[in-house]
Amino acid sequence: MASMMIVTTLGNTAFIGLPLSQSFFGKESLPFAILYDQMGSGFGFIIFGAFLVPMFTGKESLSVKVIIKQLLT
């Protein structure tokens, strides 16, 4: 259930966004588009998953402080 909640909440924005960026702004825009996509979707996926997965695995609930510490180390 947790995996379905994660993948339905965060879409594959690079699938359409990167070709559109290249067609509108040229090849030189791709590094910026990839960076922007990873900053939005990538971090969202990691942070949302870190909070959601423990709830569905039967483990004890982790505090925000513990989750942030685990993400940074």
PDB file of N, CA and C in Angstrom:
ATOM      1  N   MET A   1       0.812  -1.191   0.000  1.00  0.00           N
ATOM      2  CA  MET A   1       0.000   0.000   0.000  1.00  0.00           C
ATOM      3  C   MET A   1       0.860   1.261   0.000  1.00  0.00           C
ATOM      4  N   ALA A   2       1.943   1.237   0.777  1.00  0.00           N
ATOM      5  CA  ALA A   2       2.804   2.418   0.852  1.00  0.00           C
ATOM      6  C   ALA A   2       3.425   2.732  -0.497  1.00  0.00           C
ATOM      7  N   SER A   3       3.848   1.690  -1.209  1.00  0.00           N
ATOM      8  CA  SER A   3       4.468   1.942  -2.513  1.00  0.00           C
ATOM      9  C   SER A   3       3.470   2.541  -3.499  1.00  0.00           C
ATOM     10  N   MET A   4       2.231   2.104  -3.450  1.00  0.00           N
ATOM     11  CA  MET A   4       1.213   2.679  -4.340  1.00  0.00           C
ATOM     12  C   MET A   4       0.932   4.130  -3.985  1.00  0.00           C
ATOM     13  N   MET A   5       0.933   4.450  -2.692  1.00  0.00           N
ATOM     14  CA  MET A   5       0.705   5.836  -2.290  1.00  0.00           C
ATOM     15  C   MET A   5       1.852   6.740  -2.754  1.00  0.00           C
ATOM     16  N   ILE A   6       3.067   6.217  -2.713  1.00  0.00           N
ATOM     17  CA  ILE A   6       4.218   7.019  -3.131  1.00  0.00           C
ATOM     18  C   ILE A   6       4.203   7.255  -4.635  1.00  0.00           C
ATOM     19  N   VAL A   7       4.006   6.196  -5.419  1.00  0.00           N
ATOM     20  CA  VAL A   7       4.084   6.359  -6.872  1.00  0.00           C
ATOM     21  C   VAL A   7       2.895   7.096  -7.457  1.00  0.00           C
ATOM     22  N   THR A   8       1.753   7.066  -6.804  1.00  0.00           N
ATOM     23  CA  THR A   8       0.620   7.821  -7.334  1.00  0.00           C
ATOM     24  C   THR A   8       0.667   9.291  -6.929  1.00  0.00           C
ATOM     25  N   THR A   9       1.349   9.588  -5.842  1.00  0.00           N
ATOM     26  CA  THR A   9       1.457  10.974  -5.404  1.00  0.00           C
ATOM     27  C   THR A   9       2.498  11.738  -6.204  1.00  0.00           C
ATOM     28  N   LEU A  10       3.612  11.093  -6.486  1.00  0.00           N
ATOM     29  CA  LEU A  10       4.701  11.737  -7.212  1.00  0.00           C
ATOM     30  C   LEU A  10       4.780  11.147  -8.610  1.00  0.00           C
ATOM     31  N   GLY A  11       4.450  11.935  -9.602  1.00  0.00           N
ATOM     32  CA  GLY A  11       4.451  11.459 -10.967  1.00  0.00           C
ATOM     33  C   GLY A  11       5.832  11.462 -11.599  1.00  0.00           C
ATOM     34  N   ASN A  12       5.946  10.815 -12.740  1.00  0.00           N
ATOM     35  CA  ASN A  12       7.187  10.781 -13.493  1.00  0.00           C
ATOM     36  C   ASN A  12       7.262  12.050 -14.336  1.00  0.00           C
ATOM     37  N   THR A  13       7.660  13.129 -13.718  1.00  0.00           N
ATOM     38  CA  THR A  13       7.664  14.422 -14.399  1.00  0.00           C
ATOM     39  C   THR A  13       8.754  14.527 -15.454  1.00  0.00           C
ATOM     40  N   ALA A  14       9.807  13.743 -15.336  1.00  0.00           N
ATOM     41  CA  ALA A  14      10.896  13.789 -16.320  1.00  0.00           C
ATOM     42  C   ALA A  14      10.464  13.173 -17.645  1.00  0.00           C
ATOM     43  N   PHE A  15       9.511  12.275 -17.629  1.00  0.00           N
ATOM     44  CA  PHE A  15       9.061  11.591 -18.836  1.00  0.00           C
ATOM     45  C   PHE A  15       8.570  12.579 -19.892  1.00  0.00           C
ATOM     46  N   ILE A  16       7.813  13.559 -19.493  1.00  0.00           N
ATOM     47  CA  ILE A  16       7.303  14.574 -20.416  1.00  0.00           C
ATOM     48  C   ILE A  16       8.103  15.868 -20.302  1.00  0.00           C
ATOM     49  N   GLY A  17       8.526  16.203 -19.099  1.00  0.00           N
ATOM     50  CA  GLY A  17       9.174  17.489 -18.867  1.00  0.00           C
ATOM     51  C   GLY A  17      10.504  17.666 -19.570  1.00  0.00           C
ATOM     52  N   LEU A  18      11.338  16.627 -19.594  1.00  0.00           N
ATOM     53  CA  LEU A  18      12.652  16.775 -20.229  1.00  0.00           C
ATOM     54  C   LEU A  18      12.561  16.943 -21.749  1.00  0.00           C
ATOM     55  N   PRO A  19      11.763  16.146 -22.453  1.00  0.00           N
ATOM     56  CA  PRO A  19      11.629  16.408 -23.895  1.00  0.00           C
ATOM     57  C   PRO A  19      11.011  17.773 -24.204  1.00  0.00           C
ATOM     58  N   LEU A  20      10.055  18.202 -23.390  1.00  0.00           N
ATOM     59  CA  LEU A  20       9.462  19.523 -23.604  1.00  0.00           C
ATOM     60  C   LEU A  20      10.486  20.630 -23.366  1.00  0.00           C
ATOM     61  N   SER A  21      11.275  20.488 -22.332  1.00  0.00           N
ATOM     62  CA  SER A  21      12.312  21.474 -22.052  1.00  0.00           C
ATOM     63  C   SER A  21      13.316  21.552 -23.194  1.00  0.00           C
ATOM     64  N   GLN A  22      13.693  20.394 -23.718  1.00  0.00           N
ATOM     65  CA  GLN A  22      14.642  20.379 -24.830  1.00  0.00           C
ATOM     66  C   GLN A  22      14.036  20.996 -26.085  1.00  0.00           C
ATOM     67  N   SER A  23      12.775  20.730 -26.352  1.00  0.00           N
ATOM     68  CA  SER A  23      12.165  21.277 -27.563  1.00  0.00           C
ATOM     69  C   SER A  23      11.917  22.782 -27.461  1.00  0.00           C
ATOM     70  N   PHE A  24      11.593  23.270 -26.278  1.00  0.00           N
ATOM     71  CA  PHE A  24      11.338  24.702 -26.109  1.00  0.00           C
ATOM     72  C   PHE A  24      12.605  25.524 -25.945  1.00  0.00           C
ATOM     73  N   PHE A  25      13.584  24.995 -25.208  1.00  0.00           N
ATOM     74  CA  PHE A  25      14.747  25.797 -24.835  1.00  0.00           C
ATOM     75  C   PHE A  25      16.071  25.281 -25.376  1.00  0.00           C
ATOM     76  N   GLY A  26      16.076  24.143 -26.051  1.00  0.00           N
ATOM     77  CA  GLY A  26      17.304  23.604 -26.622  1.00  0.00           C
ATOM     78  C   GLY A  26      18.015  22.654 -25.671  1.00  0.00           C
ATOM     79  N   LYS A  27      19.089  22.022 -26.221  1.00  0.00           N
ATOM     80  CA  LYS A  27      19.832  21.021 -25.447  1.00  0.00           C
ATOM     81  C   LYS A  27      20.508  21.606 -24.217  1.00  0.00           C
ATOM     82  N   GLU A  28      20.881  22.867 -24.279  1.00  0.00           N
ATOM     83  CA  GLU A  28      21.583  23.471 -23.139  1.00  0.00           C
ATOM     84  C   GLU A  28      20.693  23.617 -21.909  1.00  0.00           C
ATOM     85  N   SER A  29      19.392  23.458 -22.049  1.00  0.00           N
ATOM     86  CA  SER A  29      18.492  23.568 -20.896  1.00  0.00           C
ATOM     87  C   SER A  29      18.354  22.256 -20.129  1.00  0.00           C
ATOM     88  N   LEU A  30      18.787  21.137 -20.696  1.00  0.00           N
ATOM     89  CA  LEU A  30      18.582  19.842 -20.047  1.00  0.00           C
ATOM     90  C   LEU A  30      19.243  19.722 -18.680  1.00  0.00           C
ATOM     91  N   PRO A  31      20.497  20.156 -18.478  1.00  0.00           N
ATOM     92  CA  PRO A  31      21.054  20.048 -17.124  1.00  0.00           C
ATOM     93  C   PRO A  31      20.236  20.806 -16.079  1.00  0.00           C
ATOM     94  N   PHE A  32      19.722  21.973 -16.453  1.00  0.00           N
ATOM     95  CA  PHE A  32      18.903  22.745 -15.514  1.00  0.00           C
ATOM     96  C   PHE A  32      17.560  22.060 -15.258  1.00  0.00           C
ATOM     97  N   ALA A  33      16.978  21.474 -16.298  1.00  0.00           N
ATOM     98  CA  ALA A  33      15.701  20.776 -16.143  1.00  0.00           C
ATOM     99  C   ALA A  33      15.865  19.529 -15.277  1.00  0.00           C
ATOM    100  N   ILE A  34      16.964  18.805 -15.459  1.00  0.00           N
ATOM    101  CA  ILE A  34      17.214  17.614 -14.649  1.00  0.00           C
ATOM    102  C   ILE A  34      17.421  18.012 -13.188  1.00  0.00           C
ATOM    103  N   LEU A  35      18.192  19.047 -12.960  1.00  0.00           N
ATOM    104  CA  LEU A  35      18.422  19.519 -11.593  1.00  0.00           C
ATOM    105  C   LEU A  35      17.117  19.947 -10.937  1.00  0.00           C
ATOM    106  N   TYR A  36      16.312  20.699 -11.659  1.00  0.00           N
ATOM    107  CA  TYR A  36      15.034  21.151 -11.125  1.00  0.00           C
ATOM    108  C   TYR A  36      14.121  19.965 -10.822  1.00  0.00           C
ATOM    109  N   ASP A  37      14.101  18.986 -11.716  1.00  0.00           N
ATOM    110  CA  ASP A  37      13.258  17.811 -11.521  1.00  0.00           C
ATOM    111  C   ASP A  37      13.703  17.024 -10.299  1.00  0.00           C
ATOM    112  N   GLN A  38      15.005  16.852 -10.129  1.00  0.00           N
ATOM    113  CA  GLN A  38      15.505  16.096  -8.984  1.00  0.00           C
ATOM    114  C   GLN A  38      15.284  16.833  -7.668  1.00  0.00           C
ATOM    115  N   MET A  39      15.397  18.143  -7.692  1.00  0.00           N
ATOM    116  CA  MET A  39      15.167  18.918  -6.470  1.00  0.00           C
ATOM    117  C   MET A  39      13.702  18.838  -6.046  1.00  0.00           C
ATOM    118  N   GLY A  40      12.801  18.766  -6.992  1.00  0.00           N
ATOM    119  CA  GLY A  40      11.377  18.688  -6.663  1.00  0.00           C
ATOM    120  C   GLY A  40      10.910  17.270  -6.426  1.00  0.00           C
ATOM    121  N   SER A  41      10.982  16.455  -7.445  1.00  0.00           N
ATOM    122  CA  SER A  41      10.464  15.086  -7.353  1.00  0.00           C
ATOM    123  C   SER A  41      11.379  14.166  -6.559  1.00  0.00           C
ATOM    124  N   GLY A  42      12.666  14.299  -6.761  1.00  0.00           N
ATOM    125  CA  GLY A  42      13.610  13.407  -6.084  1.00  0.00           C
ATOM    126  C   GLY A  42      13.553  13.538  -4.579  1.00  0.00           C
ATOM    127  N   PHE A  43      13.688  14.759  -4.083  1.00  0.00           N
ATOM    128  CA  PHE A  43      13.637  14.977  -2.644  1.00  0.00           C
ATOM    129  C   PHE A  43      12.248  14.698  -2.089  1.00  0.00           C
ATOM    130  N   GLY A  44      11.232  15.031  -2.854  1.00  0.00           N
ATOM    131  CA  GLY A  44       9.871  14.722  -2.413  1.00  0.00           C
ATOM    132  C   GLY A  44       9.660  13.231  -2.248  1.00  0.00           C
ATOM    133  N   PHE A  45      10.183  12.457  -3.190  1.00  0.00           N
ATOM    134  CA  PHE A  45      10.069  11.004  -3.122  1.00  0.00           C
ATOM    135  C   PHE A  45      10.796  10.453  -1.905  1.00  0.00           C
ATOM    136  N   ILE A  46      12.001  10.931  -1.659  1.00  0.00           N
ATOM    137  CA  ILE A  46      12.795  10.433  -0.535  1.00  0.00           C
ATOM    138  C   ILE A  46      12.143  10.797   0.799  1.00  0.00           C
ATOM    139  N   ILE A  47      11.740  12.045   0.940  1.00  0.00           N
ATOM    140  CA  ILE A  47      11.183  12.494   2.214  1.00  0.00           C
ATOM    141  C   ILE A  47       9.800  11.879   2.471  1.00  0.00           C
ATOM    142  N   PHE A  48       8.961  11.872   1.453  1.00  0.00           N
ATOM    143  CA  PHE A  48       7.623  11.281   1.603  1.00  0.00           C
ATOM    144  C   PHE A  48       7.733   9.790   1.910  1.00  0.00           C
ATOM    145  N   GLY A  49       8.637   9.109   1.221  1.00  0.00           N
ATOM    146  CA  GLY A  49       8.838   7.684   1.468  1.00  0.00           C
ATOM    147  C   GLY A  49       9.358   7.404   2.858  1.00  0.00           C
ATOM    148  N   ALA A  50      10.253   8.262   3.345  1.00  0.00           N
ATOM    149  CA  ALA A  50      10.824   8.057   4.678  1.00  0.00           C
ATOM    150  C   ALA A  50       9.772   8.176   5.768  1.00  0.00           C
ATOM    151  N   PHE A  51       8.755   8.978   5.545  1.00  0.00           N
ATOM    152  CA  PHE A  51       7.690   9.109   6.535  1.00  0.00           C
ATOM    153  C   PHE A  51       6.600   8.056   6.349  1.00  0.00           C
ATOM    154  N   LEU A  52       6.360   7.658   5.120  1.00  0.00           N
ATOM    155  CA  LEU A  52       5.235   6.772   4.831  1.00  0.00           C
ATOM    156  C   LEU A  52       5.558   5.300   5.041  1.00  0.00           C
ATOM    157  N   VAL A  53       6.726   4.854   4.623  1.00  0.00           N
ATOM    158  CA  VAL A  53       7.065   3.433   4.691  1.00  0.00           C
ATOM    159  C   VAL A  53       7.039   2.880   6.117  1.00  0.00           C
ATOM    160  N   PRO A  54       7.613   3.555   7.118  1.00  0.00           N
ATOM    161  CA  PRO A  54       7.547   2.983   8.478  1.00  0.00           C
ATOM    162  C   PRO A  54       6.121   2.767   8.990  1.00  0.00           C
ATOM    163  N   MET A  55       5.178   3.571   8.519  1.00  0.00           N
ATOM    164  CA  MET A  55       3.800   3.399   8.974  1.00  0.00           C
ATOM    165  C   MET A  55       3.200   2.088   8.479  1.00  0.00           C
ATOM    166  N   PHE A  56       3.634   1.603   7.315  1.00  0.00           N
ATOM    167  CA  PHE A  56       3.042   0.402   6.723  1.00  0.00           C
ATOM    168  C   PHE A  56       3.885  -0.851   6.915  1.00  0.00           C
ATOM    169  N   THR A  57       5.056  -0.738   7.515  1.00  0.00           N
ATOM    170  CA  THR A  57       5.895  -1.918   7.717  1.00  0.00           C
ATOM    171  C   THR A  57       5.709  -2.527   9.099  1.00  0.00           C
ATOM    172  N   GLY A  58       4.911  -1.913   9.925  1.00  0.00           N
ATOM    173  CA  GLY A  58       4.667  -2.442  11.246  1.00  0.00           C
ATOM    174  C   GLY A  58       5.705  -2.024  12.264  1.00  0.00           C
ATOM    175  N   LYS A  59       6.668  -1.224  11.844  1.00  0.00           N
ATOM    176  CA  LYS A  59       7.668  -0.745  12.792  1.00  0.00           C
ATOM    177  C   LYS A  59       7.069   0.407  13.580  1.00  0.00           C
ATOM    178  N   GLU A  60       7.713   0.702  14.680  1.00  0.00           N
ATOM    179  CA  GLU A  60       7.232   1.818  15.492  1.00  0.00           C
ATOM    180  C   GLU A  60       7.357   3.120  14.715  1.00  0.00           C
ATOM    181  N   SER A  61       6.514   4.046  15.016  1.00  0.00           N
ATOM    182  CA  SER A  61       6.562   5.341  14.353  1.00  0.00           C
ATOM    183  C   SER A  61       7.845   6.063  14.728  1.00  0.00           C
ATOM    184  N   LEU A  62       8.475   6.605  13.713  1.00  0.00           N
ATOM    185  CA  LEU A  62       9.701   7.359  13.943  1.00  0.00           C
ATOM    186  C   LEU A  62       9.369   8.836  14.046  1.00  0.00           C
ATOM    187  N   SER A  63      10.108   9.516  14.876  1.00  0.00           N
ATOM    188  CA  SER A  63       9.885  10.950  15.008  1.00  0.00           C
ATOM    189  C   SER A  63      10.529  11.668  13.826  1.00  0.00           C
ATOM    190  N   VAL A  64      10.113  12.890  13.616  1.00  0.00           N
ATOM    191  CA  VAL A  64      10.661  13.704  12.527  1.00  0.00           C
ATOM    192  C   VAL A  64      12.163  13.873  12.706  1.00  0.00           C
ATOM    193  N   LYS A  65      12.591  14.059  13.933  1.00  0.00           N
ATOM    194  CA  LYS A  65      14.003  14.253  14.216  1.00  0.00           C
ATOM    195  C   LYS A  65      14.825  13.016  13.832  1.00  0.00           C
ATOM    196  N   VAL A  66      14.328  11.831  14.158  1.00  0.00           N
ATOM    197  CA  VAL A  66      15.033  10.592  13.829  1.00  0.00           C
ATOM    198  C   VAL A  66      15.080  10.380  12.318  1.00  0.00           C
ATOM    199  N   ILE A  67      14.001  10.651  11.629  1.00  0.00           N
ATOM    200  CA  ILE A  67      13.957  10.466  10.174  1.00  0.00           C
ATOM    201  C   ILE A  67      14.922  11.421   9.486  1.00  0.00           C
ATOM    202  N   ILE A  68      14.944  12.665   9.883  1.00  0.00           N
ATOM    203  CA  ILE A  68      15.862  13.629   9.284  1.00  0.00           C
ATOM    204  C   ILE A  68      17.307  13.236   9.548  1.00  0.00           C
ATOM    205  N   LYS A  69      17.587  12.751  10.747  1.00  0.00           N
ATOM    206  CA  LYS A  69      18.934  12.304  11.082  1.00  0.00           C
ATOM    207  C   LYS A  69      19.334  11.116  10.203  1.00  0.00           C
ATOM    208  N   GLN A  70      18.417  10.189   9.967  1.00  0.00           N
ATOM    209  CA  GLN A  70      18.721   9.038   9.126  1.00  0.00           C
ATOM    210  C   GLN A  70      18.908   9.449   7.669  1.00  0.00           C
ATOM    211  N   LEU A  71      18.170  10.438   7.194  1.00  0.00           N
ATOM    212  CA  LEU A  71      18.315  10.891   5.809  1.00  0.00           C
ATOM    213  C   LEU A  71      19.650  11.591   5.593  1.00  0.00           C
ATOM    214  N   LEU A  72      20.155  12.271   6.604  1.00  0.00           N
ATOM    215  CA  LEU A  72      21.383  13.039   6.454  1.00  0.00           C
ATOM    216  C   LEU A  72      22.647  12.228   6.740  1.00  0.00           C
ATOM    217  N   THR A  73      22.502  11.064   7.349  1.00  0.00           N
ATOM    218  CA  THR A  73      23.699  10.256   7.643  1.00  0.00           C
ATOM    219  C   THR A  73      23.746   8.991   6.834  1.00  0.00           C
TER     220      THR A  73
END
